């Protein structure tokens, strides 16, 4: 008989799986950073720096204020993480590397690199040789970095070649400085005991990645869980059946879901969650918008690419979680020149306690401003929570 979960139970399971079932620690060190990325299975990277680089936010949401240099120290100095196309560009625990080798080996050249390989295959090979001789390096360090193709995201030919070698696993990230990726040969970065692991078929590797996604989700549909590591759902369906038959997954029905759910056997079912957090749009708790709406009744879309007159809530809007519920949303900007955290808009969700939400949000915003080494929080004028939030910010209440 299929187990039935209420929507509340599913939400609590999801929050616990994402690390929101324990209080923030009094102090944060390397161990807490490492434990968090292992809990989440991966942390998404993104270049948007409106508030802070996105990969720092999941740690802040779960751990509170911490020294951001700890992330680079654990990832790149201690080699506890590596960077690859896992969800998108992501930091991933180092032991997951063998599970992604099939993706590297199956890489197919697309339009940018395909044209370069056809036009100058020797050039692409020479780039790899140069990294071997001179790495770690960035594209502009190359003897012949090539010309840049187009504005903004237009990569130079050297960058295109480096990205291709990164995709195929020949090179990987040595470090990031000011978010710029420095490349080096994979054999010099990934520990030998990890790099030397082999024998996993793509089938088994993908099943293990699916299980990692299931554990990080707690419970989700096939599409939800497959998306965690960007696996192809139709390909995964027979493998999911095998995982259920083997007892490595539990098929469940969830109240309000029109598709079967899959529960990880190790998932905790807490009685309640008291977590409070601001969430980046790229936090793994909310990055799959359909699931966010199912679990929290919270319709969420990022509006960065929406023309300003058509934006409903703002440019870089973060959901605000209080006691495990998504209760408000705020459009934030770190004005580093004036050393202020700007709240450009604040909106409350229907039927939420305005006073309680405003008090908690003001406290979290002050914590964030302090973490980002900004002097104060400045509240704008847009949104139906702005008045209460401004009052709380000015009151100095904690």
Protein backbone atom coordinates (compact mmCIF):
# COMPACT_ATOMS: atom_id res chain seq x y z
CA UNK A 1 0.00 0.00 0.00
CA UNK A 2 1.36 3.42 -1.02
CA UNK A 3 2.27 5.67 1.90
CA UNK A 4 0.32 8.95 2.02
CA UNK A 5 1.97 12.18 3.16
CA UNK A 6 0.18 15.40 3.92
CA UNK A 7 1.50 18.52 2.24
CA UNK A 8 2.72 19.75 5.63
CA UNK A 9 4.64 16.53 6.22
CA UNK A 10 6.23 16.83 2.76
CA UNK A 11 7.22 20.44 3.47
CA UNK A 12 8.76 19.54 6.83
CA UNK A 13 10.66 16.65 5.24
CA UNK A 14 11.97 18.98 2.51
CA UNK A 15 13.09 21.60 5.02
CA UNK A 16 14.88 19.02 7.16
CA UNK A 17 16.59 17.53 4.12
CA UNK A 18 17.86 21.00 3.23
CA UNK A 19 19.37 21.59 6.66
CA UNK A 20 16.72 23.84 8.20
CA UNK A 21 15.83 21.48 11.04
CA UNK A 22 18.63 22.54 13.39
CA UNK A 23 19.43 25.91 14.99
CA UNK A 24 22.20 28.02 13.52
CA UNK A 25 25.50 27.31 15.27
CA UNK A 26 27.08 29.83 17.66
CA UNK A 27 30.24 29.88 15.55
CA UNK A 28 30.88 28.80 11.97
CA UNK A 29 34.12 27.18 10.88
CA UNK A 30 35.35 24.93 8.11
CA UNK A 31 33.51 21.90 9.50
CA UNK A 32 30.13 23.64 9.25
CA UNK A 33 30.81 24.78 5.67
CA UNK A 34 31.81 21.26 4.63
CA UNK A 35 28.83 19.67 6.40
CA UNK A 36 26.43 22.06 4.68
CA UNK A 37 27.63 21.37 1.16
CA UNK A 38 27.50 17.64 1.88
CA UNK A 39 23.94 18.02 3.17
CA UNK A 40 22.88 19.91 0.05
CA UNK A 41 24.90 17.70 -2.36
CA UNK A 42 25.80 20.81 -4.37
CA UNK A 43 25.72 24.60 -4.19
CA UNK A 44 24.88 26.56 -7.33
CA UNK A 45 27.24 29.25 -8.60
CA UNK A 46 25.93 32.37 -10.30
CA UNK A 47 27.59 35.57 -11.49
CA UNK A 48 24.85 37.93 -10.24
CA UNK A 49 26.32 40.08 -7.47
CA UNK A 50 23.43 42.41 -6.63
CA UNK A 51 23.60 41.50 -2.94
CA UNK A 52 26.42 38.95 -2.67
CA UNK A 53 27.61 36.11 -4.91
CA UNK A 54 24.83 33.56 -4.83
CA UNK A 55 26.87 30.60 -3.60
CA UNK A 56 27.56 32.37 -0.29
CA UNK A 57 23.85 32.75 0.52
CA UNK A 58 22.85 29.09 1.15
CA UNK A 59 25.48 28.95 3.90
CA UNK A 60 24.23 32.21 5.42
CA UNK A 61 20.62 31.03 5.26
CA UNK A 62 21.44 27.88 7.22
CA UNK A 63 24.38 28.93 9.40
CA UNK A 64 24.00 32.68 9.89
CA UNK A 65 26.88 35.13 9.61
CA UNK A 66 30.26 33.58 8.76
CA UNK A 67 33.57 34.41 7.12
CA UNK A 68 32.94 34.05 3.37
CA UNK A 69 36.57 33.13 2.72
CA UNK A 70 35.81 29.81 4.44
CA UNK A 71 33.97 28.63 1.30
CA UNK A 72 37.03 29.08 -0.93
CA UNK A 73 39.28 27.66 1.76
CA UNK A 74 37.25 24.46 2.08
CA UNK A 75 36.58 24.16 -1.65
CA UNK A 76 39.88 25.08 -3.24
CA UNK A 77 42.57 25.01 -0.55
CA UNK A 78 41.45 21.83 1.17
CA UNK A 79 39.95 20.31 -2.02
CA UNK A 80 36.79 19.23 -0.21
CA UNK A 81 34.72 20.42 -3.20
CA UNK A 82 35.19 20.70 -6.94
CA UNK A 83 33.38 22.70 -9.58
CA UNK A 84 31.43 21.24 -12.46
CA UNK A 85 28.16 21.33 -14.40
CA UNK A 86 26.14 19.42 -11.80
CA UNK A 87 22.87 21.36 -11.57
CA UNK A 88 24.38 24.25 -13.48
CA UNK A 89 27.86 25.47 -12.57
CA UNK A 90 28.08 24.19 -9.00
CA UNK A 91 30.37 23.41 -6.10
CA UNK A 92 30.06 19.71 -5.36
CA UNK A 93 31.57 17.49 -2.63
CA UNK A 94 34.78 15.96 -3.93
CA UNK A 95 33.59 12.36 -3.51
CA UNK A 96 30.84 12.98 -6.09
CA UNK A 97 33.44 13.43 -8.84
CA UNK A 98 33.33 9.79 -10.07
CA UNK A 99 29.53 10.05 -10.43
CA UNK A 100 29.89 12.85 -12.97
CA UNK A 101 32.60 11.36 -15.17
CA UNK A 102 30.00 9.86 -17.51
CA UNK A 103 28.77 13.40 -18.18
CA UNK A 104 32.27 14.57 -18.98
CA UNK A 105 32.92 11.60 -21.23
CA UNK A 106 29.57 12.00 -23.02
CA UNK A 107 30.15 15.70 -23.78
CA UNK A 108 29.28 16.65 -27.32
CA UNK A 109 30.62 19.85 -28.96
CA UNK A 110 27.99 22.49 -29.57
CA UNK A 111 27.96 25.57 -31.74
CA UNK A 112 30.78 27.66 -30.26
CA UNK A 113 33.33 24.91 -29.70
CA UNK A 114 32.13 22.92 -32.71
CA UNK A 115 33.02 25.79 -35.02
CA UNK A 116 36.40 26.25 -33.37
CA UNK A 117 37.19 22.53 -33.53
CA UNK A 118 36.35 22.51 -37.22
CA UNK A 119 38.29 25.69 -37.95
CA UNK A 120 41.33 25.18 -35.74
CA UNK A 121 41.51 21.79 -34.02
CA UNK A 122 45.21 22.25 -33.39
CA UNK A 123 44.49 25.44 -31.47
CA UNK A 124 42.13 23.67 -29.08
CA UNK A 125 44.71 20.96 -28.41
CA UNK A 126 47.44 23.56 -27.93
CA UNK A 127 45.40 25.32 -25.24
CA UNK A 128 45.34 22.13 -23.19
CA UNK A 129 49.08 21.69 -23.63
CA UNK A 130 49.67 25.26 -22.48
CA UNK A 131 47.60 24.75 -19.34
CA UNK A 132 49.67 21.64 -18.65
CA UNK A 133 52.88 23.64 -18.93
CA UNK A 134 51.80 26.89 -17.30
CA UNK A 135 48.58 26.42 -15.31
CA UNK A 136 46.73 27.53 -13.26
CA UNK A 137 45.58 30.25 -15.62
CA UNK A 138 42.70 32.26 -17.07
CA UNK A 139 41.97 32.85 -20.74
CA UNK A 140 43.78 36.18 -20.87
CA UNK A 141 46.97 34.47 -19.63
CA UNK A 142 47.17 32.35 -22.77
CA UNK A 143 49.90 33.07 -25.33
CA UNK A 144 47.15 33.35 -27.94
CA UNK A 145 43.83 34.02 -26.19
CA UNK A 146 42.11 34.75 -29.50
CA UNK A 147 39.58 37.44 -30.25
CA UNK A 148 36.38 37.98 -28.30
CA UNK A 149 33.18 37.03 -30.10
CA UNK A 150 30.37 39.50 -29.44
CA UNK A 151 29.49 41.64 -26.39
CA UNK A 152 28.84 40.72 -22.76
CA UNK A 153 28.94 36.89 -22.73
CA UNK A 154 30.97 36.74 -25.94
CA UNK A 155 33.86 34.42 -25.11
CA UNK A 156 37.27 34.65 -26.73
CA UNK A 157 38.47 31.63 -28.67
CA UNK A 158 40.83 30.78 -25.79
CA UNK A 159 37.98 30.89 -23.30
CA UNK A 160 35.82 28.71 -25.58
CA UNK A 161 38.63 26.14 -25.72
CA UNK A 162 39.18 26.22 -21.97
CA UNK A 163 35.46 25.78 -21.32
CA UNK A 164 35.39 22.79 -23.65
CA UNK A 165 38.27 21.16 -21.78
CA UNK A 166 36.45 21.95 -18.53
CA UNK A 167 33.28 20.30 -19.83
CA UNK A 168 35.12 17.15 -20.90
CA UNK A 169 36.98 16.94 -17.59
CA UNK A 170 40.49 17.54 -18.95
CA UNK A 171 40.80 20.68 -16.83
CA UNK A 172 38.98 21.84 -13.73
CA UNK A 173 38.83 24.85 -11.45
CA UNK A 174 42.03 25.46 -9.54
CA UNK A 175 40.54 28.48 -7.74
CA UNK A 176 38.34 31.51 -8.25
CA UNK A 177 39.54 35.06 -7.74
CA UNK A 178 36.93 37.80 -7.96
CA UNK A 179 34.70 35.03 -9.31
CA UNK A 180 37.04 34.42 -12.27
CA UNK A 181 37.76 30.73 -12.81
CA UNK A 182 41.42 29.70 -12.94
CA UNK A 183 41.93 26.47 -14.87
CA UNK A 184 44.44 23.69 -14.29
CA UNK A 185 44.78 20.07 -15.31
CA UNK A 186 42.27 17.89 -13.50
CA UNK A 187 44.97 15.41 -12.50
CA UNK A 188 46.68 18.16 -10.50
CA UNK A 189 43.49 19.19 -8.68
CA UNK A 190 41.31 16.15 -7.96
CA UNK A 191 42.94 13.92 -5.31
CA UNK A 192 44.48 10.79 -6.78
CA UNK A 193 42.35 8.42 -4.72
CA UNK A 194 39.19 10.07 -6.10
CA UNK A 195 40.46 10.45 -9.64
CA UNK A 196 41.55 6.83 -9.71
CA UNK A 197 38.08 5.45 -8.99
CA UNK A 198 36.49 3.79 -12.00
CA UNK A 199 34.18 1.00 -13.00
CA UNK A 200 30.86 2.82 -12.53
CA UNK A 201 28.55 2.48 -15.51
CA UNK A 202 26.56 5.57 -16.55
CA UNK A 203 23.44 3.71 -15.40
CA UNK A 204 24.70 3.21 -11.85
CA UNK A 205 26.29 6.67 -11.67
CA UNK A 206 23.01 8.29 -12.66
CA UNK A 207 21.08 6.21 -10.15
CA UNK A 208 23.45 7.33 -7.41
CA UNK A 209 23.11 10.96 -8.49
CA UNK A 210 19.33 10.56 -8.39
CA UNK A 211 19.60 9.20 -4.86
CA UNK A 212 21.76 12.16 -3.84
CA UNK A 213 19.08 14.45 -5.25
CA UNK A 214 16.40 12.49 -3.42
CA UNK A 215 18.27 12.74 -0.13
CA UNK A 216 18.77 16.50 -0.59
CA UNK A 217 15.08 16.90 -1.45
CA UNK A 218 13.77 14.50 1.19
CA UNK A 219 10.73 13.95 -1.02
CA UNK A 220 9.94 15.03 -4.56
CA UNK A 221 8.49 13.98 -7.87
CA UNK A 222 10.64 12.25 -10.49
CA UNK A 223 11.01 15.59 -12.29
CA UNK A 224 11.94 17.41 -9.07
CA UNK A 225 14.65 14.97 -8.14
CA UNK A 226 16.02 14.48 -11.66
CA UNK A 227 16.40 18.25 -11.99
CA UNK A 228 18.74 18.39 -8.98
CA UNK A 229 21.60 16.98 -11.07
CA UNK A 230 19.94 17.79 -14.41
CA UNK A 231 19.24 14.16 -15.25
CA UNK A 232 16.92 13.22 -18.13
CA UNK A 233 13.63 12.15 -16.53
CA UNK A 234 12.44 9.76 -19.29
CA UNK A 235 15.80 7.98 -19.14
CA UNK A 236 15.59 7.80 -15.36
CA UNK A 237 12.07 6.33 -15.09
CA UNK A 238 13.06 2.63 -15.42
CA UNK A 239 15.98 3.28 -13.07
CA UNK A 240 13.64 4.89 -10.54
CA UNK A 241 11.49 1.74 -10.63
CA UNK A 242 14.62 -0.30 -9.92
CA UNK A 243 15.52 1.96 -6.99
CA UNK A 244 12.03 1.51 -5.56
CA UNK A 245 12.18 -2.27 -6.05
CA UNK A 246 15.60 -2.33 -4.33
CA UNK A 247 14.27 -0.33 -1.38
CA UNK A 248 16.63 2.57 -2.06
CA UNK A 249 13.60 4.82 -2.68
CA UNK A 250 10.05 4.77 -1.34
CA UNK A 251 7.19 5.71 -3.63
CA UNK A 252 4.60 7.85 -1.84
CA UNK A 253 1.50 9.89 -2.56
CA UNK A 254 1.55 13.51 -1.40
CA UNK A 255 -1.56 15.55 -0.71
CA UNK A 256 -2.22 17.91 -3.62
CA UNK A 257 0.40 16.42 -5.95
CA UNK A 258 -0.78 15.05 -9.28
CA UNK A 259 2.35 12.90 -9.69
CA UNK A 260 3.87 10.19 -7.48
CA UNK A 261 6.38 11.31 -4.91
CA UNK A 262 9.63 9.58 -4.02
CA UNK A 263 10.83 9.59 -0.42
CA UNK A 264 14.42 8.93 0.56
CA UNK A 265 14.55 6.18 3.22
CA UNK A 266 16.76 8.33 5.45
CA UNK A 267 14.43 11.34 5.33
CA UNK A 268 13.54 12.83 8.70
CA UNK A 269 9.96 13.86 9.47
CA UNK A 270 10.20 16.59 12.13
CA UNK A 271 7.14 17.71 14.06
CA UNK A 272 7.91 21.36 13.35
CA UNK A 273 10.51 23.69 11.85
CA UNK A 274 11.45 27.06 13.34
CA UNK A 275 13.95 28.18 10.71
CA UNK A 276 14.12 31.82 9.63
CA UNK A 277 16.11 32.72 6.51
CA UNK A 278 16.44 34.88 3.43
CA UNK A 279 16.83 32.71 0.34
CA UNK A 280 18.64 33.53 -2.86
CA UNK A 281 16.75 32.72 -6.09
CA UNK A 282 19.38 30.02 -6.63
CA UNK A 283 19.00 28.28 -3.27
CA UNK A 284 18.28 24.58 -3.77
CA UNK A 285 15.22 24.81 -1.51
CA UNK A 286 13.43 27.08 -4.01
CA UNK A 287 15.22 26.84 -7.36
CA UNK A 288 12.60 24.48 -8.80
CA UNK A 289 9.69 26.90 -8.89
CA UNK A 290 6.93 24.31 -9.45
CA UNK A 291 7.98 22.43 -6.33
CA UNK A 292 8.17 25.65 -4.32
CA UNK A 293 4.58 26.39 -5.26
CA UNK A 294 3.43 22.86 -4.40
CA UNK A 295 5.14 22.77 -1.02
CA UNK A 296 4.75 26.35 0.15
CA UNK A 297 1.89 27.78 -1.92
CA UNK A 298 4.42 30.42 -2.99
CA UNK A 299 4.45 31.52 -6.63
CA UNK A 300 8.00 32.66 -7.30
CA UNK A 301 9.71 33.88 -10.46
CA UNK A 302 12.98 35.75 -10.80
CA UNK A 303 12.44 39.05 -12.62
CA UNK A 304 16.02 40.02 -13.51
CA UNK A 305 15.29 39.67 -17.23
CA UNK A 306 11.85 41.27 -17.07
CA UNK A 307 11.73 44.93 -18.22
CA UNK A 308 11.46 47.17 -15.16
CA UNK A 309 7.93 48.49 -15.89
CA UNK A 310 6.65 44.90 -16.03
CA UNK A 311 8.25 43.68 -12.79
CA UNK A 312 5.76 42.76 -10.11
CA UNK A 313 8.06 42.59 -7.10
CA UNK A 314 11.51 43.79 -8.17
CA UNK A 315 14.86 42.95 -9.76
CA UNK A 316 16.52 40.58 -7.27
CA UNK A 317 13.79 39.29 -5.01
CA UNK A 318 14.51 36.91 -2.14
CA UNK A 319 11.82 34.82 -0.44
CA UNK A 320 11.75 35.24 3.33
CA UNK A 321 11.15 32.15 5.43
CA UNK A 322 9.78 32.35 8.97
CA UNK A 323 9.14 29.22 11.03
CA UNK A 324 9.49 27.06 7.94
CA UNK A 325 6.93 29.01 5.87
CA UNK A 326 7.59 31.41 3.00
CA UNK A 327 5.86 34.50 4.30
CA UNK A 328 7.26 37.48 2.39
CA UNK A 329 9.57 38.58 -0.41
CA UNK A 330 12.08 41.44 -0.55
CA UNK A 331 13.99 43.05 -3.41
CA UNK A 332 17.49 43.67 -2.06
CA UNK A 333 20.58 45.49 -3.26
CA UNK A 334 23.94 45.95 -1.54
CA UNK A 335 25.03 49.53 -2.17
CA UNK A 336 28.70 49.01 -1.45
CA UNK A 337 29.71 52.56 -2.25
CA UNK A 338 27.37 54.01 0.39
CA UNK A 339 27.70 50.94 2.63
CA UNK A 340 23.99 50.26 2.94
CA UNK A 341 21.70 47.31 2.30
CA UNK A 342 18.77 48.64 0.32
CA UNK A 343 15.33 47.11 0.64
CA UNK A 344 13.82 48.26 -2.64
CA UNK A 345 10.51 46.52 -2.04
CA UNK A 346 8.88 44.25 0.54
CA UNK A 347 5.68 42.27 0.09
CA UNK A 348 3.90 40.02 2.56
CA UNK A 349 2.08 36.84 1.57
CA UNK A 350 -1.70 36.67 2.14
CA UNK A 351 -2.94 35.92 5.66
CA UNK A 352 0.45 36.22 7.34
CA UNK A 353 0.92 38.11 10.64
CA UNK A 354 2.29 41.45 9.46
CA UNK A 355 3.79 42.57 12.75
CA UNK A 356 5.54 39.27 13.47
CA UNK A 357 6.89 39.02 9.92
CA UNK A 358 8.17 42.60 9.96
CA UNK A 359 10.01 42.08 13.26
CA UNK A 360 11.67 38.86 12.10
CA UNK A 361 12.53 40.23 8.66
CA UNK A 362 14.06 43.40 10.13
CA UNK A 363 16.25 41.27 12.38
CA UNK A 364 17.40 39.09 9.50
CA UNK A 365 18.15 42.11 7.30
CA UNK A 366 20.27 43.68 10.04
CA UNK A 367 22.14 40.40 10.43
CA UNK A 368 22.73 40.29 6.67
CA UNK A 369 23.94 43.89 6.53
CA UNK A 370 26.41 43.21 9.32
CA UNK A 371 27.58 40.01 7.59
CA UNK A 372 28.17 41.96 4.37
CA UNK A 373 30.06 44.69 6.29
CA UNK A 374 27.42 47.30 5.46
CA UNK A 375 26.60 50.00 7.98
CA UNK A 376 22.81 50.00 7.91
CA UNK A 377 19.59 48.91 6.23
CA UNK A 378 17.69 51.50 4.17
CA UNK A 379 14.05 50.75 3.37
CA UNK A 380 12.45 52.03 0.15
CA UNK A 381 8.79 52.72 -0.61
CA UNK A 382 7.46 49.86 -2.71
CA UNK A 383 5.36 47.01 -1.32
CA UNK A 384 2.63 46.31 1.20
CA UNK A 385 5.07 45.40 3.99
CA UNK A 386 7.27 48.47 3.63
CA UNK A 387 5.63 50.63 6.30
CA UNK A 388 5.84 48.00 9.04
CA UNK A 389 9.35 47.01 8.00
CA UNK A 390 10.59 50.60 8.03
CA UNK A 391 9.19 51.06 11.52
CA UNK A 392 10.99 47.96 12.78
CA UNK A 393 14.28 48.89 11.12
CA UNK A 394 14.17 52.37 12.64
CA UNK A 395 13.13 51.13 16.05
CA UNK A 396 16.40 49.33 16.56
CA UNK A 397 14.63 46.21 17.79
CA UNK A 398 16.52 42.96 17.42
